[in-house]
Amino acid sequence: MSDTGLSRQLGLRSLTLAVVTSTIGSGWLFAPFYAARFAGPAALGAWLLGGLLAFALALVFAELGSLLSSSGALAQIPLLSHGRTAGFIGGWCAWVSYLALPSIEVMAVMQYLASSAPWLTADQGAGQVLSGAGLALASLLLVLLAWVNLAGVGWLARWIDGLTSWKLVVPLVVSITLMLTAGHWGNLVPLAQPVGTTLEGMVRAISSGGILFSLLGFRTAMDLAGEARQPQRTVPVAMALGLGLSLLIYLLLQLAFLVAVPPGQLGGGWAALRLSAHGGPLVALALGLGLGWVGRLLLLDAVVSPTATAMAYMGAASRVGWMMGRCGLLPNVLGRINRQAVPSVALVISLVLGIGLLLIGPGWQNVVSLLTATLVIALAMGPVSLAALRRQLPDRTRPYRLPWAGLWCPLAFVLATWAISWCGTTALRGAVLIVLLPAIGFVLLALRGRAAGARQGEEPPHGPLHFRQGLWWFLYLGGLVAITAWPLGLAAELGLLAAWALLVFPLAVHSRLVAVSPWAGVGND
């Protein structure tokens, strides 16, 4: 057992496979198609650029992961360096995103299977939503995933290990088969269009196409760090191995998709590509090539891959919620664990809220941009906290220490800022509302509670509010909304966003606590 009561059973292999299974989910079934429509052959470059963004953030979190060994650390990091207001904002972003991800993965399963079982969905004018039977089946699947999580992290690791082995093999088999069978290599010749148009297509592929959404699974290693053996060493290595392996598979799959599309379907360009036949885009390609066995394999994997990813994210969501409850950022009841050393209350709450999200009924692509923006907002805190913790805990042992952190952290913050903006104005505004409205409510409720406690002569149960240390969040996100609202070209917008990020970054670091927050559960020794 760790000092938090969680059981340390996970080794490097299990953590790496957890990263892979969080990264290769519904994204591999949809992202190659949407990325190709946005960017054509340049989708390969978009995956490399998305991988660069993900690795830039992963290197920052590699040091943070070697510094902290608690599950749900994404909620702990901002609290540690900047106090409760910033801690709530960072933790809330992560928790809300994680809550939604299992539901999105399960909806992807239903969406992919609806072609074979049309009774799973119903037409609601604006698009397909889950039918009553589909909602019941999706809810039952979420309950099953919660049951596996409740059985303990050892059970979860065994399920993830087995399912991830499958998830590694199937994309490789499908990719090689499509390339050998079709091999329309002329599809890789880029269209004659302005460079700016190509870059804009790559940006849309990274955000709305699901590339960055698919590659942010590296953080799962940190979410399970409190249940890992030798977490200071295994967490950074698992993030690097898992992300690198996943990126290679996605690149191979994107290449296979590009060369498998019949040239006759590209008369109107990649943006006009339609592959809506039986089972979705990849199944449509396979059946069009006469590969019935590949189509059946894909339909089977449409259940296995997103389900395994949903299982991992349900566990991650419960641990982020557990950490927020343990640190007083959410009700304390979320900080409880059961006999199997699992944060059971947080898990059940995650399950209930996840089933509630199924009622919204959006399609996969419709929510990718919003979720990606919210996730990257949570991750943008990493470079700020790392720079702050270098000053607050200069002598603490770090098994992995990021080289040139003084340059890398501002660069990673700029890249995160770009990634947030690339999700689109609508998604950005929605994410900012999701972040700031609860943050304002948190501050007001905390102030009300403190006023009531002061009248009774009681000390605040979780230390100062640290509102001043979290003000930079409001400034930063408000500036992003204002900049992206202007009708700027891509180059001008990127330059202005980079300048804004470099202006806010030192202010955010300077806003840190003098010493790390004792309420985050990490001492200053």
Protein backbone atom coordinates (compact mmCIF):
# COMPACT_ATOMS: atom_id res chain seq x y z
CA MET A 1 0.00 0.00 0.00
CA SER A 2 1.06 3.58 -0.62
CA ASP A 3 0.66 6.30 1.99
CA THR A 4 -2.66 7.19 0.35
CA GLY A 5 -4.12 3.74 0.89
CA LEU A 6 -3.92 2.75 -2.78
CA SER A 7 -2.24 -0.50 -3.75
CA ARG A 8 1.05 -0.31 -5.70
CA GLN A 9 0.79 -3.21 -8.15
CA LEU A 10 1.56 -1.68 -11.56
CA GLY A 11 4.92 -2.14 -13.25
CA LEU A 12 6.42 -0.46 -16.32
CA ARG A 13 4.69 -2.84 -18.74
CA SER A 14 1.24 -2.25 -17.28
CA LEU A 15 1.72 1.53 -17.19
CA THR A 16 2.96 1.60 -20.78
CA LEU A 17 0.02 -0.49 -21.95
CA ALA A 18 -2.33 1.80 -20.02
CA VAL A 19 -0.92 4.73 -22.00
CA VAL A 20 -1.31 2.82 -25.28
CA THR A 21 -4.87 1.74 -24.53
CA SER A 22 -5.81 5.31 -23.59
CA THR A 23 -4.28 6.59 -26.82
CA ILE A 24 -5.55 3.99 -29.30
CA GLY A 25 -9.29 4.08 -28.76
CA SER A 26 -12.07 5.36 -30.97
CA GLY A 27 -9.52 7.72 -32.52
CA TRP A 28 -8.03 5.06 -34.77
CA LEU A 29 -11.47 4.23 -36.16
CA PHE A 30 -12.34 7.82 -37.08
CA ALA A 31 -9.28 10.13 -36.99
CA PRO A 32 -7.56 8.89 -40.21
CA PHE A 33 -10.75 9.60 -42.18
CA TYR A 34 -11.40 13.07 -40.75
CA ALA A 35 -7.70 14.00 -40.90
CA ALA A 36 -7.58 12.98 -44.58
CA ARG A 37 -10.66 15.08 -45.37
CA PHE A 38 -9.13 18.14 -43.73
CA ALA A 39 -5.53 17.81 -44.94
CA GLY A 40 -5.28 15.12 -47.62
CA PRO A 41 -1.74 13.67 -47.85
CA ALA A 42 -0.60 16.42 -45.46
CA ALA A 43 -2.44 14.46 -42.75
CA LEU A 44 0.84 12.58 -42.24
CA GLY A 45 2.54 15.87 -41.41
CA ALA A 46 -0.39 16.75 -39.15
CA TRP A 47 0.19 13.57 -37.14
CA LEU A 48 3.88 14.45 -36.79
CA LEU A 49 3.02 17.99 -35.68
CA GLY A 50 0.41 16.66 -33.27
CA GLY A 51 3.00 14.21 -31.97
CA LEU A 52 5.44 17.09 -31.43
CA LEU A 53 2.82 18.94 -29.40
CA ALA A 54 2.06 15.85 -27.34
CA PHE A 55 5.75 15.08 -26.74
CA ALA A 56 6.44 18.68 -25.74
CA LEU A 57 3.82 18.39 -23.00
CA ALA A 58 4.77 14.82 -22.14
CA LEU A 59 8.39 15.81 -21.40
CA VAL A 60 7.12 18.44 -18.95
CA PHE A 61 4.86 15.92 -17.25
CA ALA A 62 7.66 13.36 -17.23
CA GLU A 63 9.53 15.48 -14.66
CA LEU A 64 6.32 16.23 -12.79
CA GLY A 65 5.56 12.51 -12.76
CA SER A 66 8.98 11.77 -11.34
CA LEU A 67 8.39 14.41 -8.67
CA LEU A 68 4.90 13.30 -7.63
CA SER A 69 3.85 9.69 -7.18
CA SER A 70 0.14 10.09 -6.47
CA SER A 71 -2.78 8.85 -8.54
CA GLY A 72 -4.85 11.69 -9.96
CA ALA A 73 -1.80 13.96 -9.89
CA LEU A 74 -3.27 16.28 -12.56
CA ALA A 75 -5.50 17.61 -9.77
CA GLN A 76 -2.59 17.80 -7.33
CA ILE A 77 0.02 19.62 -9.43
CA PRO A 78 -1.66 23.07 -9.73
CA LEU A 79 -2.74 22.94 -6.08
CA LEU A 80 0.83 22.18 -5.04
CA SER A 81 2.40 25.12 -6.87
CA HIS A 82 -0.36 27.76 -6.96
CA GLY A 83 -2.90 26.95 -4.27
CA ARG A 84 -6.59 26.16 -4.18
CA THR A 85 -8.09 28.42 -6.86
CA ALA A 86 -5.60 27.38 -9.54
CA GLY A 87 -5.77 23.83 -8.21
CA PHE A 88 -9.52 23.71 -8.65
CA ILE A 89 -9.34 25.10 -12.21
CA GLY A 90 -6.65 22.63 -13.32
CA GLY A 91 -8.23 19.67 -11.54
CA TRP A 92 -11.73 20.55 -12.72
CA CYS A 93 -10.61 20.69 -16.38
CA ALA A 94 -9.03 17.26 -16.09
CA TRP A 95 -11.93 15.71 -14.19
CA VAL A 96 -14.66 17.01 -16.54
CA SER A 97 -12.70 15.82 -19.57
CA TYR A 98 -12.10 12.41 -18.06
CA LEU A 99 -15.76 12.09 -17.08
CA ALA A 100 -16.80 12.65 -20.69
CA LEU A 101 -14.24 10.37 -22.33
CA PRO A 102 -15.73 6.96 -21.35
CA SER A 103 -19.14 8.11 -22.58
CA ILE A 104 -17.62 9.35 -25.85
CA GLU A 105 -15.83 6.04 -26.38
CA VAL A 106 -19.01 4.07 -25.69
CA MET A 107 -20.97 6.32 -28.07
CA ALA A 108 -18.30 5.61 -30.70
CA VAL A 109 -18.97 1.88 -30.22
CA MET A 110 -22.69 2.41 -30.74
CA GLN A 111 -22.12 4.69 -33.74
CA TYR A 112 -19.87 2.12 -35.42
CA LEU A 113 -22.21 -0.80 -34.74
CA ALA A 114 -25.39 1.05 -35.73
CA SER A 115 -24.83 0.16 -39.39
CA SER A 116 -25.24 -3.51 -38.48
CA ALA A 117 -27.82 -2.86 -35.75
CA PRO A 118 -29.72 0.30 -36.78
CA TRP A 119 -31.96 0.01 -33.73
CA LEU A 120 -29.06 1.34 -31.62
CA THR A 121 -29.57 4.89 -32.92
CA ALA A 122 -32.45 7.13 -33.92
CA ASP A 123 -32.63 10.09 -36.29
CA GLN A 124 -33.30 13.35 -34.43
CA GLY A 125 -33.18 15.75 -37.35
CA ALA A 126 -29.76 17.28 -36.67
CA GLY A 127 -28.14 13.84 -36.58
CA GLN A 128 -28.13 10.41 -35.04
CA VAL A 129 -28.59 9.96 -31.29
CA LEU A 130 -28.82 6.84 -29.16
CA SER A 131 -32.21 5.14 -29.20
CA GLY A 132 -33.77 3.83 -26.00
CA ALA A 133 -32.25 0.41 -26.63
CA GLY A 134 -28.89 1.97 -27.56
CA LEU A 135 -28.90 4.08 -24.42
CA ALA A 136 -29.66 1.01 -22.30
CA LEU A 137 -26.87 -1.00 -23.93
CA ALA A 138 -24.37 1.86 -23.63
CA SER A 139 -25.30 2.35 -19.96
CA LEU A 140 -24.90 -1.37 -19.31
CA LEU A 141 -21.46 -1.27 -20.89
CA LEU A 142 -20.42 1.63 -18.63
CA VAL A 143 -21.69 -0.29 -15.59
CA LEU A 144 -19.60 -3.30 -16.66
CA LEU A 145 -16.50 -1.11 -16.98
CA ALA A 146 -17.14 0.36 -13.54
CA TRP A 147 -17.44 -3.15 -12.10
CA VAL A 148 -14.03 -4.10 -13.53
CA ASN A 149 -12.54 -0.94 -12.01
CA LEU A 150 -14.14 -1.61 -8.62
CA ALA A 151 -12.50 -5.04 -8.47
CA GLY A 152 -9.12 -3.38 -7.92
CA VAL A 153 -6.19 -2.04 -9.91
CA GLY A 154 -4.77 -5.55 -10.34
CA TRP A 155 -7.91 -6.64 -12.20
CA LEU A 156 -7.88 -3.42 -14.20
CA ALA A 157 -4.25 -4.02 -15.21
CA ARG A 158 -4.99 -7.58 -16.34
CA TRP A 159 -7.91 -6.44 -18.48
CA ILE A 160 -5.88 -3.60 -19.97
CA ASP A 161 -2.89 -5.87 -20.68
CA GLY A 162 -5.01 -8.39 -22.56
CA LEU A 163 -7.12 -5.91 -24.53
CA THR A 164 -4.15 -3.70 -25.43
CA SER A 165 -2.30 -6.62 -26.98
CA TRP A 166 -5.29 -7.01 -29.28
CA LYS A 167 -5.39 -3.27 -29.93
CA LEU A 168 -1.75 -3.27 -31.04
CA VAL A 169 -2.14 -6.16 -33.46
CA VAL A 170 -5.38 -5.21 -35.23
CA PRO A 171 -4.32 -1.73 -36.52
CA LEU A 172 -1.06 -3.21 -37.80
CA VAL A 173 -2.85 -6.07 -39.60
CA VAL A 174 -5.44 -3.71 -41.09
CA SER A 175 -2.82 -1.16 -42.21
CA ILE A 176 -0.53 -3.68 -43.91
CA THR A 177 -3.48 -5.44 -45.58
CA LEU A 178 -4.93 -2.20 -46.97
CA MET A 179 -1.56 -1.07 -48.33
CA LEU A 180 -0.79 -4.43 -49.97
CA THR A 181 -4.29 -4.80 -51.45
CA ALA A 182 -4.93 -1.26 -52.71
CA GLY A 183 -1.61 0.57 -52.92
CA HIS A 184 -2.84 3.72 -54.69
CA TRP A 185 0.42 5.50 -53.96
CA GLY A 186 -0.47 8.29 -56.37
CA ASN A 187 -2.93 9.50 -53.72
CA LEU A 188 0.06 10.81 -51.79
CA VAL A 189 0.79 13.49 -54.39
CA PRO A 190 -0.26 16.76 -52.73
CA LEU A 191 -2.91 18.90 -54.37
CA ALA A 192 -1.80 22.15 -55.99
CA GLN A 193 -2.99 24.73 -53.48
CA PRO A 194 -1.53 27.63 -51.49
CA VAL A 195 0.77 26.75 -48.58
CA GLY A 196 -1.54 28.59 -46.19
CA THR A 197 -4.47 26.38 -47.20
CA THR A 198 -2.42 23.24 -46.55
CA LEU A 199 -1.32 24.51 -43.15
CA GLU A 200 -4.89 25.42 -42.24
CA GLY A 201 -6.00 21.93 -43.20
CA MET A 202 -3.29 20.41 -41.01
CA VAL A 203 -4.37 22.59 -38.09
CA ARG A 204 -7.99 21.48 -38.49
CA ALA A 205 -6.88 17.85 -38.73
CA ILE A 206 -4.97 18.19 -35.45
CA SER A 207 -7.93 19.68 -33.61
CA SER A 208 -11.29 18.80 -35.21
CA GLY A 209 -9.87 15.75 -36.99
CA GLY A 210 -9.09 14.09 -33.67
CA ILE A 211 -5.29 13.86 -33.90
CA LEU A 212 -4.44 15.68 -30.69
CA PHE A 213 -7.48 14.14 -29.00
CA SER A 214 -6.03 10.72 -29.82
CA LEU A 215 -2.47 11.49 -28.68
CA LEU A 216 -3.12 12.95 -25.23
CA GLY A 217 -3.39 9.56 -23.56
CA PHE A 218 0.18 9.80 -22.23
CA ARG A 219 -1.17 11.39 -19.04
CA THR A 220 -2.79 8.10 -17.95
CA ALA A 221 0.56 7.01 -16.50
CA MET A 222 0.39 9.96 -14.08
CA ASP A 223 -3.23 9.21 -13.23
CA LEU A 224 -2.20 5.75 -12.01
CA ALA A 225 1.14 6.76 -10.46
CA GLY A 226 -0.09 6.15 -6.91
CA GLU A 227 -0.60 2.47 -7.80
CA ALA A 228 2.73 2.01 -9.60
CA ARG A 229 5.89 0.36 -8.34
CA GLN A 230 8.87 2.76 -8.45
CA PRO A 231 6.67 5.52 -9.94
CA GLN A 232 9.47 8.11 -10.11
CA ARG A 233 11.17 5.93 -12.73
CA THR A 234 8.34 4.02 -14.39
CA VAL A 235 5.92 6.92 -14.97
CA PRO A 236 8.22 9.03 -17.24
CA VAL A 237 9.41 5.96 -19.16
CA ALA A 238 5.85 4.66 -19.62
CA MET A 239 4.71 8.02 -20.99
CA ALA A 240 7.54 8.12 -23.54
CA LEU A 241 7.23 4.50 -24.65
CA GLY A 242 3.44 4.51 -24.82
CA LEU A 243 3.20 7.79 -26.74
CA GLY A 244 5.98 6.85 -29.17
CA LEU A 245 4.48 3.44 -29.94
CA SER A 246 1.00 4.90 -30.41
CA LEU A 247 2.25 7.65 -32.75
CA LEU A 248 4.01 5.09 -34.96
CA ILE A 249 0.83 3.02 -35.24
CA TYR A 250 -1.25 6.09 -36.09
CA LEU A 251 1.22 7.16 -38.79
CA LEU A 252 1.13 3.70 -40.37
CA LEU A 253 -2.67 3.63 -40.21
CA GLN A 254 -2.98 7.10 -41.77
CA LEU A 255 -0.62 6.11 -44.59
CA ALA A 256 -2.65 2.94 -45.22
CA PHE A 257 -5.90 4.93 -45.30
CA LEU A 258 -4.52 7.46 -47.78
CA VAL A 259 -3.33 4.85 -50.26
CA ALA A 260 -6.42 2.64 -49.87
CA VAL A 261 -8.95 5.25 -51.05
CA PRO A 262 -9.95 4.55 -54.68
CA PRO A 263 -8.74 7.49 -56.84
CA GLY A 264 -12.17 7.68 -58.45
CA GLN A 265 -13.62 8.88 -55.14
CA LEU A 266 -11.26 11.87 -55.04
CA GLY A 267 -12.66 13.73 -58.02
CA GLY A 268 -13.94 16.48 -55.76
CA GLY A 269 -10.79 16.49 -53.62
CA TRP A 270 -10.16 15.00 -50.20
CA ALA A 271 -12.63 17.38 -48.54
CA ALA A 272 -15.47 15.84 -50.55
CA LEU A 273 -14.57 12.25 -49.64
CA ARG A 274 -17.55 10.24 -48.37
CA LEU A 275 -17.19 6.79 -46.85
CA SER A 276 -20.47 6.17 -45.10
CA ALA A 277 -21.10 2.59 -46.09
CA HIS A 278 -21.56 -0.34 -43.74
CA GLY A 279 -19.67 0.15 -40.48
CA GLY A 280 -17.91 3.46 -41.00
CA PRO A 281 -14.97 4.70 -43.11
CA LEU A 282 -12.44 1.91 -42.56
CA VAL A 283 -15.02 -0.84 -42.96
CA ALA A 284 -16.28 0.86 -46.14
CA LEU A 285 -12.76 0.80 -47.58
CA ALA A 286 -12.24 -2.85 -46.63
CA LEU A 287 -15.54 -3.99 -48.13
CA GLY A 288 -14.91 -1.93 -51.26
CA LEU A 289 -11.67 -3.87 -51.73
CA GLY A 290 -13.44 -7.19 -51.22
CA LEU A 291 -11.83 -7.73 -47.82
CA GLY A 292 -14.84 -9.03 -45.94
CA TRP A 293 -12.72 -10.57 -43.20
CA VAL A 294 -11.07 -7.19 -42.53
CA GLY A 295 -14.51 -5.60 -42.29
CA ARG A 296 -15.60 -8.18 -39.73
CA LEU A 297 -12.36 -7.72 -37.81
CA LEU A 298 -12.91 -3.95 -37.74
CA LEU A 299 -16.46 -4.30 -36.47
CA LEU A 300 -15.20 -6.54 -33.68
CA ASP A 301 -12.44 -4.08 -32.87
CA ALA A 302 -14.99 -1.26 -32.87
CA VAL A 303 -16.18 -2.84 -29.63
CA VAL A 304 -12.82 -3.85 -28.16
CA SER A 305 -10.66 -0.74 -28.71
CA PRO A 306 -13.02 2.03 -27.52
CA THR A 307 -14.24 -0.20 -24.66
CA ALA A 308 -10.71 -0.74 -23.37
CA THR A 309 -10.02 3.00 -23.65
CA ALA A 310 -13.26 3.79 -21.82
CA MET A 311 -12.24 1.37 -19.08
CA ALA A 312 -8.89 3.09 -18.60
CA TYR A 313 -10.39 6.59 -18.59
CA MET A 314 -13.11 5.62 -16.14
CA GLY A 315 -10.36 4.56 -13.75
CA ALA A 316 -8.45 7.78 -14.43
CA ALA A 317 -11.56 9.93 -13.88
CA SER A 318 -12.22 8.30 -10.53
CA ARG A 319 -8.65 8.94 -9.40
CA VAL A 320 -8.69 12.60 -10.40
CA GLY A 321 -12.01 13.01 -8.57
CA TRP A 322 -10.56 11.11 -5.60
CA MET A 323 -7.54 13.40 -5.45
CA MET A 324 -9.74 16.50 -5.64
CA GLY A 325 -11.86 15.17 -2.80
CA ARG A 326 -8.79 14.25 -0.77
CA CYS A 327 -7.36 17.76 -1.21
CA GLY A 328 -10.64 19.50 -0.40
CA LEU A 329 -11.27 20.79 -3.93
CA LEU A 330 -14.45 18.69 -4.16
CA PRO A 331 -16.58 17.19 -1.34
CA ASN A 332 -14.48 15.00 0.97
CA VAL A 333 -16.66 11.95 0.31
CA LEU A 334 -14.93 11.54 -3.07
CA GLY A 335 -11.68 10.81 -1.21
CA ARG A 336 -12.88 7.47 0.17
CA ILE A 337 -11.54 4.09 -0.99
CA ASN A 338 -13.02 0.59 -0.70
CA ARG A 339 -11.52 -2.70 0.52
CA GLN A 340 -9.87 -3.25 -2.84
CA ALA A 341 -8.04 0.09 -2.42
CA VAL A 342 -10.14 1.69 -5.21
CA PRO A 343 -11.66 5.20 -4.97
CA SER A 344 -15.15 3.70 -5.06
CA VAL A 345 -17.26 6.80 -4.33
CA ALA A 346 -15.50 8.83 -7.04
CA LEU A 347 -15.89 5.89 -9.42
CA VAL A 348 -19.63 5.55 -8.82
CA ILE A 349 -20.10 9.31 -9.26
CA SER A 350 -18.09 9.15 -12.50
CA LEU A 351 -20.35 6.31 -13.67
CA VAL A 352 -23.58 8.18 -12.88
CA LEU A 353 -22.40 11.37 -14.57
CA GLY A 354 -21.11 9.38 -17.54
CA ILE A 355 -24.52 7.77 -18.07
CA GLY A 356 -26.07 11.23 -17.84
CA LEU A 357 -23.75 12.45 -20.61
CA LEU A 358 -25.06 9.71 -22.89
CA LEU A 359 -28.41 11.53 -22.94
CA ILE A 360 -26.79 14.45 -24.76
CA GLY A 361 -26.23 12.19 -27.73
CA PRO A 362 -23.60 14.03 -29.82
CA GLY A 363 -21.62 12.37 -32.57
CA TRP A 364 -17.95 11.55 -32.15
CA GLN A 365 -16.50 14.42 -34.18
CA ASN A 366 -18.92 16.99 -32.74
CA VAL A 367 -17.39 16.75 -29.26
CA VAL A 368 -13.74 16.12 -30.12
CA SER A 369 -12.86 19.81 -30.45
CA LEU A 370 -14.53 20.77 -27.16
CA LEU A 371 -12.94 17.91 -25.24
CA THR A 372 -9.52 18.56 -26.77
CA ALA A 373 -9.67 22.25 -25.80
CA THR A 374 -10.66 21.38 -22.22
CA LEU A 375 -7.95 18.73 -21.94
CA VAL A 376 -5.20 20.99 -23.25
CA ILE A 377 -6.29 23.79 -20.88
CA ALA A 378 -5.72 21.33 -18.03
CA LEU A 379 -2.34 20.30 -19.46
CA ALA A 380 -1.27 23.92 -20.04
CA MET A 381 -0.83 24.20 -16.28
CA GLY A 382 2.05 21.69 -16.46
CA PRO A 383 4.78 24.01 -17.83
CA VAL A 384 3.76 26.76 -15.38
CA SER A 385 3.79 24.42 -12.39
CA LEU A 386 7.11 22.85 -13.40
CA ALA A 387 8.79 26.26 -13.64
CA ALA A 388 7.28 27.20 -10.27
CA LEU A 389 8.25 23.94 -8.57
CA ARG A 390 11.84 24.29 -9.79
CA ARG A 391 11.94 27.39 -7.55
CA GLN A 392 9.80 26.04 -4.71
CA LEU A 393 11.46 22.62 -4.41
CA PRO A 394 14.94 23.12 -5.85
CA ASP A 395 16.57 20.36 -3.79
CA ARG A 396 13.93 17.64 -4.14
CA THR A 397 15.18 14.50 -5.90
CA ARG A 398 13.96 14.15 -9.48
CA PRO A 399 14.83 10.82 -11.16
CA TYR A 400 14.06 12.53 -14.46
CA ARG A 401 15.01 16.18 -14.88
CA LEU A 402 13.91 18.01 -18.04
CA PRO A 403 16.95 19.53 -19.80
CA TRP A 404 16.77 23.23 -20.63
CA ALA A 405 13.52 23.58 -18.69
CA GLY A 406 13.91 27.37 -18.63
CA LEU A 407 13.41 27.38 -22.41
CA TRP A 408 11.29 24.28 -22.80
CA CYS A 409 8.51 25.27 -20.38
CA PRO A 410 7.65 28.58 -22.13
CA LEU A 411 7.85 26.80 -25.51
CA ALA A 412 5.48 24.06 -24.30
CA PHE A 413 3.12 26.74 -22.96
CA VAL A 414 3.10 28.44 -26.38
CA LEU A 415 2.42 25.12 -28.12
CA ALA A 416 -0.42 24.37 -25.70
CA THR A 417 -1.85 27.85 -26.36
CA TRP A 418 -1.79 27.21 -30.10
CA ALA A 419 -3.42 23.81 -29.63
CA ILE A 420 -6.25 25.33 -27.57
CA SER A 421 -6.92 27.95 -30.24
CA TRP A 422 -6.81 25.41 -33.06
CA CYS A 423 -9.88 23.71 -31.63
CA GLY A 424 -11.95 26.58 -33.00
CA THR A 425 -13.70 29.61 -31.58
CA THR A 426 -16.87 27.74 -30.62
CA ALA A 427 -14.98 24.95 -28.84
CA LEU A 428 -12.70 27.45 -27.10
CA ARG A 429 -15.60 29.52 -25.79
CA GLY A 430 -17.41 26.41 -24.64
CA ALA A 431 -14.30 25.13 -22.85
CA VAL A 432 -13.71 28.50 -21.17
CA LEU A 433 -17.30 28.49 -19.89
CA ILE A 434 -16.85 24.93 -18.62
CA VAL A 435 -13.70 26.05 -16.79
CA LEU A 436 -14.43 29.52 -15.46
CA LEU A 437 -18.09 29.34 -14.41
CA PRO A 438 -17.48 26.47 -11.93
CA ALA A 439 -14.28 28.24 -10.81
CA ILE A 440 -16.26 31.38 -9.97
CA GLY A 441 -18.79 29.22 -8.13
CA PHE A 442 -15.98 27.49 -6.23
CA VAL A 443 -14.52 30.83 -5.12
CA LEU A 444 -17.91 32.21 -4.04
CA LEU A 445 -18.81 29.06 -2.11
CA ALA A 446 -15.39 29.00 -0.46
CA LEU A 447 -15.71 32.65 0.57
CA ARG A 448 -19.19 32.01 1.95
CA GLY A 449 -17.93 29.02 3.93
CA ARG A 450 -15.02 30.99 5.31
CA ALA A 451 -17.27 33.85 6.36
CA ALA A 452 -19.53 31.39 8.20
CA GLY A 453 -16.50 29.74 9.82
CA ALA A 454 -15.06 33.11 10.87
CA ARG A 455 -18.31 33.99 12.64
CA GLN A 456 -17.99 30.76 14.61
CA GLY A 457 -14.27 31.22 15.25
CA GLU A 458 -13.24 28.21 13.10
CA GLU A 459 -10.14 27.94 10.91
CA PRO A 460 -10.59 27.14 7.17
CA PRO A 461 -10.38 23.32 6.83
CA HIS A 462 -8.20 23.36 3.70
CA GLY A 463 -6.02 26.41 4.10
CA PRO A 464 -6.21 29.79 2.30
CA LEU A 465 -8.16 30.24 -0.92
CA HIS A 466 -5.14 31.63 -2.83
CA PHE A 467 -7.38 33.58 -5.19
CA ARG A 468 -4.61 35.99 -6.19
CA GLN A 469 -2.37 33.07 -7.25
CA GLY A 470 -5.12 31.83 -9.57
CA LEU A 471 -6.09 35.15 -11.17
CA TRP A 472 -3.74 34.59 -14.10
CA TRP A 473 -6.02 31.79 -15.32
CA PHE A 474 -8.87 34.28 -15.88
CA LEU A 475 -6.51 36.71 -17.64
CA TYR A 476 -5.00 34.00 -19.83
CA LEU A 477 -8.26 32.40 -20.97
CA GLY A 478 -9.95 35.77 -21.46
CA GLY A 479 -7.08 36.83 -23.71
CA LEU A 480 -7.40 33.64 -25.78
CA VAL A 481 -11.09 34.26 -26.37
CA ALA A 482 -10.43 37.88 -27.37
CA ILE A 483 -7.56 37.06 -29.76
CA THR A 484 -9.38 34.22 -31.53
CA ALA A 485 -12.45 36.44 -31.99
CA TRP A 486 -10.49 38.74 -34.32
CA PRO A 487 -10.59 38.00 -38.08
CA LEU A 488 -6.87 37.27 -38.40
CA GLY A 489 -4.93 35.11 -40.82
CA LEU A 490 -3.33 31.93 -39.49
CA ALA A 491 0.22 33.35 -39.28
CA ALA A 492 -0.90 36.58 -37.58
CA GLU A 493 -3.04 34.68 -35.09
CA LEU A 494 -0.23 32.27 -34.21
CA GLY A 495 2.18 35.17 -33.70
CA LEU A 496 -0.25 37.07 -31.48
CA LEU A 497 -1.09 33.97 -29.46
CA ALA A 498 2.60 33.19 -28.97
CA ALA A 499 3.23 36.73 -27.76
CA TRP A 500 0.28 36.49 -25.37
CA ALA A 501 1.49 33.15 -24.00
CA LEU A 502 5.01 34.48 -23.46
CA LEU A 503 3.56 37.53 -21.69
CA VAL A 504 1.33 35.47 -19.39
CA PHE A 505 3.84 32.69 -18.64
CA PRO A 506 6.26 34.67 -16.39
CA LEU A 507 3.29 36.31 -14.68
CA ALA A 508 1.79 32.89 -13.96
CA VAL A 509 5.09 31.54 -12.63
CA HIS A 510 5.58 34.65 -10.49
CA SER A 511 2.07 34.12 -9.05
CA ARG A 512 3.18 30.85 -7.42
CA LEU A 513 3.03 30.24 -3.68
CA VAL A 514 6.13 31.10 -1.68
CA ALA A 515 6.27 27.47 -0.53
CA VAL A 516 4.33 24.50 -1.88
CA SER A 517 0.85 24.02 -0.51
CA PRO A 518 0.77 21.54 2.40
CA TRP A 519 -2.84 20.78 1.45
CA ALA A 520 -1.64 19.02 -1.70
CA GLY A 521 -0.15 16.22 0.39
CA VAL A 522 3.49 16.82 -0.63
CA GLY A 523 5.95 18.14 1.89
CA ASN A 524 8.70 20.70 1.41
CA ASP A 525 11.57 18.56 2.53
